């Protein structure tokens, strides 16, 4: 997807953009302060964005604080991801009702719903990559998810390039950010440098159509360079990294690594990491009936591979230990996900690190296993070279 045009808009024109999306009958979903966190919710005005707010994140720590400026997007990824809207936590699939031979079945998952016409406002580059990954999961295989595709196909995406590195993110190392490159209708870069404005990259024709009603002018080279410089600086300031190359080989060859026992001693199997992860898609299906026995419903709900019951089959759970469940999660995320979808399932947002109650860090766990792998590989190479020269 190539960029069509690049504009400059003043910061107060951001509300014009939101109002234009609402005129197009989109439910605008964006970041907004709620209590002590920045969450995703419906917004009707730019004033509902986290103006002048930032966050401090570290393992098992999240705090909001005030900025010294009036930035609209001066914070990192919060506890919510966009899968909350594209792949909802609870989805009614089928309703069956009737008495005796008179049975009516409703395919609820395929019903059009005007409330599901979303404009996703403020999608970070890592989350945009996560949406693309879930597109593969739910839309590219033999069996497609009609409920996901119905919402996804009509979603309007306004991405936001990061000009600030988060405390736990590592998007630059897994090549998902901090710049949004494809898959957006519009992409914003916020610049505060004596002036306060946004650079707006147009990615689609419908993005151009929306921008035609917003106060704008073509962006100048100097203005675009300022935005680029801020984005590059953010990439250099990420304090964590995860080497994405050879993750599959490394983890498949270290299924009995002692590190699995070390992390299992800390892991609470609480499933926080999978709930906040923008790509995890484990779910369960439940059938219920009302007390009269005249109506039954089938419902899909988020689940997690960290729960004991998720892998339960006749005879017991396949993964009864925390060691087995954490190993399964990390190996799937960075290894078998590659077999299934051609890419790792991690986008470097850092949510699993921030929201783990005991501060388990996926980058640290993989680093330890990777170092063992590299050391073993060097020893093997040395032995082969020695044997070859003898």
Protein backbone atom coordinates (compact mmCIF):
# COMPACT_ATOMS: atom_id res chain seq x y z
CA UNK A 1 0.00 0.00 0.00
CA UNK A 2 1.64 3.25 -1.05
CA UNK A 3 1.11 6.62 0.54
CA UNK A 4 -1.07 8.89 -1.61
CA UNK A 5 -0.44 12.31 -0.02
CA UNK A 6 1.17 13.77 3.08
CA UNK A 7 -0.43 16.72 4.88
CA UNK A 8 0.15 18.96 7.84
CA UNK A 9 -2.76 19.66 10.17
CA UNK A 10 -2.72 21.82 13.27
CA UNK A 11 -3.34 20.05 16.56
CA UNK A 12 -6.82 21.53 16.95
CA UNK A 13 -7.81 20.05 13.56
CA UNK A 14 -7.58 16.61 15.14
CA UNK A 15 -11.12 17.10 16.36
CA UNK A 16 -12.23 17.85 12.80
CA UNK A 17 -10.89 14.44 11.79
CA UNK A 18 -12.80 12.71 14.57
CA UNK A 19 -16.02 14.52 13.71
CA UNK A 20 -15.66 13.66 10.03
CA UNK A 21 -15.29 9.97 10.92
CA UNK A 22 -18.43 10.21 13.04
CA UNK A 23 -20.27 11.81 10.11
CA UNK A 24 -19.28 8.75 8.08
CA UNK A 25 -21.13 6.66 10.69
CA UNK A 26 -17.99 5.23 12.28
CA UNK A 27 -17.90 4.53 16.00
CA UNK A 28 -14.58 6.14 16.84
CA UNK A 29 -12.54 4.06 19.30
CA UNK A 30 -9.46 5.66 20.77
CA UNK A 31 -7.23 5.96 23.83
CA UNK A 32 -8.73 7.81 26.76
CA UNK A 33 -7.89 8.10 30.48
CA UNK A 34 -10.02 5.97 32.77
CA UNK A 35 -9.00 5.86 36.41
CA UNK A 36 -5.27 5.22 36.59
CA UNK A 37 -4.75 3.88 33.05
CA UNK A 38 -5.14 4.83 29.42
CA UNK A 39 -7.66 2.44 27.89
CA UNK A 40 -9.53 2.08 24.61
CA UNK A 41 -13.12 3.24 24.47
CA UNK A 42 -15.54 5.16 22.26
CA UNK A 43 -14.62 8.83 21.96
CA UNK A 44 -16.67 11.68 20.52
CA UNK A 45 -14.12 14.48 20.72
CA UNK A 46 -10.36 15.05 20.67
CA UNK A 47 -10.73 16.43 24.18
CA UNK A 48 -11.29 12.86 25.38
CA UNK A 49 -7.79 11.83 24.28
CA UNK A 50 -5.07 11.65 26.98
CA UNK A 51 -3.91 15.25 26.44
CA UNK A 52 -0.81 16.01 28.47
CA UNK A 53 -0.61 12.47 29.89
CA UNK A 54 2.21 9.97 29.76
CA UNK A 55 2.95 6.63 31.38
CA UNK A 56 5.86 4.97 33.11
CA UNK A 57 6.09 1.24 32.46
CA UNK A 58 8.44 -1.44 33.76
CA UNK A 59 7.99 -5.11 34.65
CA UNK A 60 4.81 -5.36 36.77
CA UNK A 61 4.61 -1.55 36.98
CA UNK A 62 2.33 0.98 35.27
CA UNK A 63 1.85 4.59 36.35
CA UNK A 64 0.25 7.64 34.75
CA UNK A 65 1.79 11.06 35.15
CA UNK A 66 1.40 14.52 33.67
CA UNK A 67 3.59 15.79 30.83
CA UNK A 68 4.93 19.31 30.61
CA UNK A 69 3.26 19.79 27.20
CA UNK A 70 -0.15 19.14 25.68
CA UNK A 71 0.74 16.09 23.60
CA UNK A 72 -2.19 13.95 22.51
CA UNK A 73 -0.18 10.74 22.06
CA UNK A 74 2.71 11.10 24.50
CA UNK A 75 2.25 7.64 26.02
CA UNK A 76 2.85 3.98 25.15
CA UNK A 77 0.57 1.00 24.64
CA UNK A 78 -1.91 0.54 27.48
CA UNK A 79 -3.60 -2.59 28.84
CA UNK A 80 -6.14 -2.80 26.00
CA UNK A 81 -5.37 -3.92 22.47
CA UNK A 82 -7.54 -3.55 19.38
CA UNK A 83 -8.41 -7.25 19.34
CA UNK A 84 -11.01 -6.31 21.95
CA UNK A 85 -13.08 -4.94 19.04
CA UNK A 86 -12.03 -7.19 16.15
CA UNK A 87 -12.05 -10.43 18.19
CA UNK A 88 -14.36 -9.58 21.11
CA UNK A 89 -13.96 -11.28 24.52
CA UNK A 90 -17.52 -12.65 24.37
CA UNK A 91 -19.31 -13.39 21.11
CA UNK A 92 -22.68 -15.11 20.73
CA UNK A 93 -22.38 -17.52 17.81
CA UNK A 94 -25.76 -19.25 17.56
CA UNK A 95 -29.16 -19.01 19.22
CA UNK A 96 -31.65 -21.87 18.97
CA UNK A 97 -35.24 -21.47 20.21
CA UNK A 98 -38.53 -23.29 19.88
CA UNK A 99 -40.96 -25.78 21.31
CA UNK A 100 -41.20 -29.36 20.15
CA UNK A 101 -40.71 -29.62 16.39
CA UNK A 102 -40.76 -25.85 15.86
CA UNK A 103 -37.05 -25.04 16.03
CA UNK A 104 -35.51 -21.76 14.90
CA UNK A 105 -31.75 -21.29 14.63
CA UNK A 106 -30.12 -17.87 14.32
CA UNK A 107 -26.57 -17.48 13.04
CA UNK A 108 -25.73 -14.57 15.32
CA UNK A 109 -22.05 -14.42 14.39
CA UNK A 110 -22.83 -13.55 10.77
CA UNK A 111 -25.47 -10.88 11.41
CA UNK A 112 -24.56 -7.34 10.25
CA UNK A 113 -24.25 -4.89 13.12
CA UNK A 114 -24.00 -1.13 12.54
CA UNK A 115 -22.39 -0.67 15.96
CA UNK A 116 -19.41 -2.68 14.71
CA UNK A 117 -18.39 -0.10 12.09
CA UNK A 118 -15.29 1.09 13.90
CA UNK A 119 -12.73 3.79 13.26
CA UNK A 120 -9.70 2.61 15.22
CA UNK A 121 -8.08 5.90 16.19
CA UNK A 122 -4.50 5.88 17.46
CA UNK A 123 -3.27 2.42 16.41
CA UNK A 124 0.45 2.08 17.18
CA UNK A 125 2.74 0.39 14.67
CA UNK A 126 3.13 -2.70 16.85
CA UNK A 127 -0.64 -3.05 17.17
CA UNK A 128 -1.04 -2.55 13.43
CA UNK A 129 1.32 -5.50 12.93
CA UNK A 130 -0.73 -7.47 15.44
CA UNK A 131 -3.89 -6.80 13.43
CA UNK A 132 -2.13 -8.08 10.30
CA UNK A 133 -1.14 -11.23 12.20
CA UNK A 134 -4.72 -11.81 13.32
CA UNK A 135 -5.81 -11.27 9.71
CA UNK A 136 -3.73 -14.35 8.90
CA UNK A 137 -5.17 -16.30 11.82
CA UNK A 138 -8.82 -15.55 11.09
CA UNK A 139 -8.90 -14.72 7.41
CA UNK A 140 -6.15 -16.42 5.42
CA UNK A 141 -6.58 -20.09 6.24
CA UNK A 142 -8.96 -22.74 4.97
CA UNK A 143 -11.42 -21.95 7.74
CA UNK A 144 -12.22 -18.25 7.97
CA UNK A 145 -13.93 -16.46 10.85
CA UNK A 146 -16.92 -14.54 9.41
CA UNK A 147 -17.47 -12.52 12.59
CA UNK A 148 -13.87 -11.26 12.57
CA UNK A 149 -13.87 -10.51 8.86
CA UNK A 150 -17.18 -8.63 9.04
CA UNK A 151 -15.76 -6.17 11.57
CA UNK A 152 -12.26 -6.07 10.11
CA UNK A 153 -13.28 -5.38 6.52
CA UNK A 154 -15.18 -2.21 7.41
CA UNK A 155 -12.70 -0.89 10.02
CA UNK A 156 -11.07 2.48 9.31
CA UNK A 157 -7.55 2.65 10.77
CA UNK A 158 -5.87 5.83 11.94
CA UNK A 159 -2.35 4.83 12.95
CA UNK A 160 -0.03 6.87 15.16
CA UNK A 161 3.73 6.74 14.77
CA UNK A 162 5.56 6.57 18.08
CA UNK A 163 7.81 9.49 18.96
CA UNK A 164 8.49 8.13 22.45
CA UNK A 165 9.89 4.78 23.54
CA UNK A 166 7.91 2.86 26.14
CA UNK A 167 9.49 1.33 29.22
CA UNK A 168 8.86 -2.28 28.18
CA UNK A 169 8.42 -2.16 24.41
CA UNK A 170 10.89 -3.69 21.95
CA UNK A 171 9.14 -3.17 18.62
CA UNK A 172 12.22 -1.97 16.77
CA UNK A 173 14.06 -5.25 17.40
CA UNK A 174 11.21 -7.34 15.94
CA UNK A 175 10.77 -4.88 13.08
CA UNK A 176 7.19 -3.85 13.81
CA UNK A 177 7.72 -0.21 14.75
CA UNK A 178 7.85 2.52 15.79
CA UNK A 179 6.71 3.65 12.31
CA UNK A 180 3.51 2.34 10.73
CA UNK A 181 4.36 1.46 7.13
CA UNK A 182 1.39 -0.39 5.63
CA UNK A 183 -2.20 -1.27 6.41
CA UNK A 184 -3.53 2.11 7.52
CA UNK A 185 -5.99 4.57 6.05
CA UNK A 186 -4.25 7.49 7.75
CA UNK A 187 -1.06 7.66 9.82
CA UNK A 188 -0.35 10.52 12.23
CA UNK A 189 3.00 11.78 13.50
CA UNK A 190 2.78 14.31 16.33
CA UNK A 191 5.36 17.10 16.35
CA UNK A 192 5.85 19.50 19.27
CA UNK A 193 8.77 21.84 18.56
CA UNK A 194 7.82 25.45 19.31
CA UNK A 195 4.81 24.54 17.17
CA UNK A 196 2.29 21.75 17.72
CA UNK A 197 1.07 19.97 14.61
CA UNK A 198 0.56 16.56 12.97
CA UNK A 199 1.98 15.09 9.81
CA UNK A 200 -0.74 12.96 8.19
CA UNK A 201 0.18 10.24 5.69
CA UNK A 202 -2.70 9.03 3.55
CA UNK A 203 -2.68 5.32 2.84
CA UNK A 204 -5.98 4.69 1.04
CA UNK A 205 -8.54 6.40 -1.15
CA UNK A 206 -11.07 6.42 1.67
CA UNK A 207 -8.43 8.02 3.87
CA UNK A 208 -8.04 10.76 1.26
CA UNK A 209 -11.82 11.19 1.16
CA UNK A 210 -11.99 11.76 4.92
CA UNK A 211 -9.07 14.19 4.83
CA UNK A 212 -10.77 16.26 2.14
CA UNK A 213 -13.08 17.66 4.85
CA UNK A 214 -10.31 18.42 7.37
CA UNK A 215 -8.35 21.71 7.49
CA UNK A 216 -4.98 20.81 6.01
CA UNK A 217 -2.17 21.78 3.69
CA UNK A 218 0.60 19.78 1.98
CA UNK A 219 3.43 18.99 4.41
CA UNK A 220 6.78 20.61 3.77
CA UNK A 221 10.06 18.73 3.63
CA UNK A 222 11.33 20.31 6.86
CA UNK A 223 8.13 19.43 8.69
CA UNK A 224 8.26 15.82 7.55
CA UNK A 225 11.95 15.57 8.50
CA UNK A 226 11.16 16.74 12.03
CA UNK A 227 8.60 13.96 12.36
CA UNK A 228 11.00 11.38 10.91
CA UNK A 229 13.72 12.47 13.33
CA UNK A 230 11.41 11.98 16.33
CA UNK A 231 10.39 8.52 15.13
CA UNK A 232 14.01 7.47 14.57
CA UNK A 233 14.94 8.69 18.04
CA UNK A 234 12.16 6.60 19.57
CA UNK A 235 13.50 3.50 17.80
CA UNK A 236 16.96 4.06 19.27
CA UNK A 237 15.68 4.51 22.82
CA UNK A 238 13.86 1.20 23.25
CA UNK A 239 15.60 -0.47 26.16
CA UNK A 240 14.75 -4.08 25.35
CA UNK A 241 15.30 -6.31 22.36
CA UNK A 242 14.36 -9.75 21.12
CA UNK A 243 16.38 -11.24 18.29
CA UNK A 244 13.67 -12.63 15.97
CA UNK A 245 16.02 -14.65 13.75
CA UNK A 246 16.22 -18.40 14.41
CA UNK A 247 13.70 -18.30 17.26
CA UNK A 248 12.07 -21.44 15.89
CA UNK A 249 15.28 -23.46 15.80
CA UNK A 250 16.45 -22.17 19.19
CA UNK A 251 13.26 -23.05 21.06
CA UNK A 252 12.69 -26.40 19.35
CA UNK A 253 16.19 -27.46 20.41
CA UNK A 254 15.75 -26.34 24.02
CA UNK A 255 12.51 -27.92 25.19
CA UNK A 256 14.29 -29.26 28.30
CA UNK A 257 16.27 -26.11 29.12
CA UNK A 258 16.53 -25.53 32.91
CA UNK A 259 15.23 -21.99 32.43
CA UNK A 260 11.71 -23.38 32.08
CA UNK A 261 11.87 -24.47 35.74
CA UNK A 262 13.18 -21.06 36.82
CA UNK A 263 10.34 -19.15 35.17
CA UNK A 264 7.74 -21.68 36.34
CA UNK A 265 8.73 -20.99 39.93
CA UNK A 266 7.58 -17.38 39.41
CA UNK A 267 4.66 -17.80 36.99
CA UNK A 268 1.22 -17.58 38.61
CA UNK A 269 -0.60 -18.99 35.54
CA UNK A 270 -2.91 -15.99 35.89
CA UNK A 271 -3.22 -15.54 32.08
CA UNK A 272 -2.63 -11.77 32.25
CA UNK A 273 -0.02 -12.01 29.49
CA UNK A 274 -2.43 -13.66 27.07
CA UNK A 275 -5.32 -11.32 27.93
CA UNK A 276 -3.30 -8.18 27.15
CA UNK A 277 -1.44 -9.69 24.18
CA UNK A 278 -2.69 -8.23 20.88
CA UNK A 279 -2.15 -11.49 18.94
CA UNK A 280 -3.15 -14.31 21.31
CA UNK A 281 -6.37 -15.92 20.10
CA UNK A 282 -7.13 -18.86 22.43
CA UNK A 283 -10.87 -19.23 22.93
CA UNK A 284 -13.41 -21.68 24.26
CA UNK A 285 -17.00 -22.35 23.20
CA UNK A 286 -19.82 -22.78 25.74
CA UNK A 287 -23.36 -24.05 25.25
CA UNK A 288 -26.08 -22.87 27.65
CA UNK A 289 -29.86 -23.23 27.91
CA UNK A 290 -32.44 -21.18 29.76
CA UNK A 291 -34.44 -22.58 32.66
CA UNK A 292 -37.47 -23.34 30.47
CA UNK A 293 -35.45 -25.36 28.00
CA UNK A 294 -36.87 -23.42 25.07
CA UNK A 295 -33.73 -21.45 24.15
CA UNK A 296 -30.08 -22.41 23.86
CA UNK A 297 -27.04 -20.32 23.02
CA UNK A 298 -23.55 -21.09 21.85
CA UNK A 299 -21.01 -18.48 22.92
CA UNK A 300 -17.33 -18.00 22.21
CA UNK A 301 -15.19 -16.54 24.99
CA UNK A 302 -11.54 -15.67 25.33
CA UNK A 303 -9.53 -18.37 27.05
CA UNK A 304 -5.85 -18.90 27.75
CA UNK A 305 -3.33 -21.68 27.35
CA UNK A 306 -2.21 -20.82 30.91
CA UNK A 307 -5.39 -22.21 32.46
CA UNK A 308 -5.46 -25.84 33.58
CA UNK A 309 -8.74 -26.57 31.81
CA UNK A 310 -7.70 -25.23 28.41
CA UNK A 311 -5.79 -28.40 27.49
CA UNK A 312 -8.13 -30.75 29.37
CA UNK A 313 -9.17 -33.88 27.54
CA UNK A 314 -10.57 -37.19 28.81
CA UNK A 315 -8.14 -38.30 31.48
CA UNK A 316 -6.76 -34.93 32.49
CA UNK A 317 -4.92 -31.84 31.37
CA UNK A 318 -2.23 -32.18 28.68
CA UNK A 319 -0.17 -29.46 30.38
CA UNK A 320 -0.74 -29.81 34.14
CA UNK A 321 2.37 -27.85 35.22
CA UNK A 322 3.18 -24.13 35.06
CA UNK A 323 6.45 -25.14 33.42
CA UNK A 324 4.62 -26.90 30.60
CA UNK A 325 2.15 -24.06 30.10
CA UNK A 326 4.74 -21.30 29.97
CA UNK A 327 6.95 -23.33 27.67
CA UNK A 328 3.99 -23.97 25.38
CA UNK A 329 3.07 -20.26 25.28
CA UNK A 330 6.57 -18.99 24.54
CA UNK A 331 7.35 -21.77 22.05
CA UNK A 332 4.11 -21.17 20.21
CA UNK A 333 4.63 -17.41 20.19
CA UNK A 334 8.17 -17.54 18.78
CA UNK A 335 8.46 -20.94 17.08
CA UNK A 336 5.39 -22.95 16.07
CA UNK A 337 3.61 -19.70 15.15
CA UNK A 338 6.18 -19.46 12.36
CA UNK A 339 5.13 -22.93 11.15
CA UNK A 340 1.47 -21.93 11.16
CA UNK A 341 1.54 -18.37 9.87
CA UNK A 342 5.04 -17.65 8.56
CA UNK A 343 5.92 -15.10 11.24
CA UNK A 344 6.50 -14.94 14.98
CA UNK A 345 3.45 -14.09 17.06
CA UNK A 346 5.10 -11.30 19.05
CA UNK A 347 5.05 -7.65 17.95
CA UNK A 348 7.16 -6.19 20.77
CA UNK A 349 4.43 -4.11 22.45
CA UNK A 350 5.71 -5.10 25.91
CA UNK A 351 2.25 -5.51 27.45
CA UNK A 352 2.98 -9.01 28.75
CA UNK A 353 5.97 -7.59 30.67
CA UNK A 354 4.14 -4.62 32.16
CA UNK A 355 1.01 -6.49 33.19
CA UNK A 356 2.61 -9.68 34.52
CA UNK A 357 2.08 -9.46 38.30
CA UNK A 358 5.56 -10.90 38.95
CA UNK A 359 7.31 -9.04 36.13
CA UNK A 360 8.32 -11.97 33.91
CA UNK A 361 10.10 -10.52 30.88
CA UNK A 362 9.74 -12.45 27.61
CA UNK A 363 12.89 -10.85 26.21
CA UNK A 364 14.94 -11.95 29.22
CA UNK A 365 13.59 -15.51 29.19
CA UNK A 366 14.37 -15.91 25.51
CA UNK A 367 17.78 -14.23 25.90
CA UNK A 368 18.91 -16.84 28.44
CA UNK A 369 17.82 -19.73 26.21
CA UNK A 370 19.35 -18.10 23.14
CA UNK A 371 22.72 -17.62 24.86
CA UNK A 372 22.81 -21.29 25.78
CA UNK A 373 22.02 -22.19 22.18
CA UNK A 374 24.77 -19.94 20.82
CA UNK A 375 27.29 -21.26 23.32
CA UNK A 376 26.43 -24.85 22.46
CA UNK A 377 26.69 -24.04 18.76
CA UNK A 378 30.14 -22.50 19.22
CA UNK A 379 31.35 -25.50 21.18
CA UNK A 380 30.05 -27.88 18.50
CA UNK A 381 31.71 -25.84 15.75
CA UNK A 382 35.00 -25.86 17.61
CA UNK A 383 34.87 -29.61 18.10
CA UNK A 384 34.08 -30.16 14.42
CA UNK A 385 36.93 -27.90 13.34
CA UNK A 386 39.34 -29.65 15.72
CA UNK A 387 38.22 -33.06 14.52
CA UNK A 388 38.55 -31.98 10.91
CA UNK A 389 42.12 -30.81 11.40
CA UNK A 390 43.25 -33.93 13.27
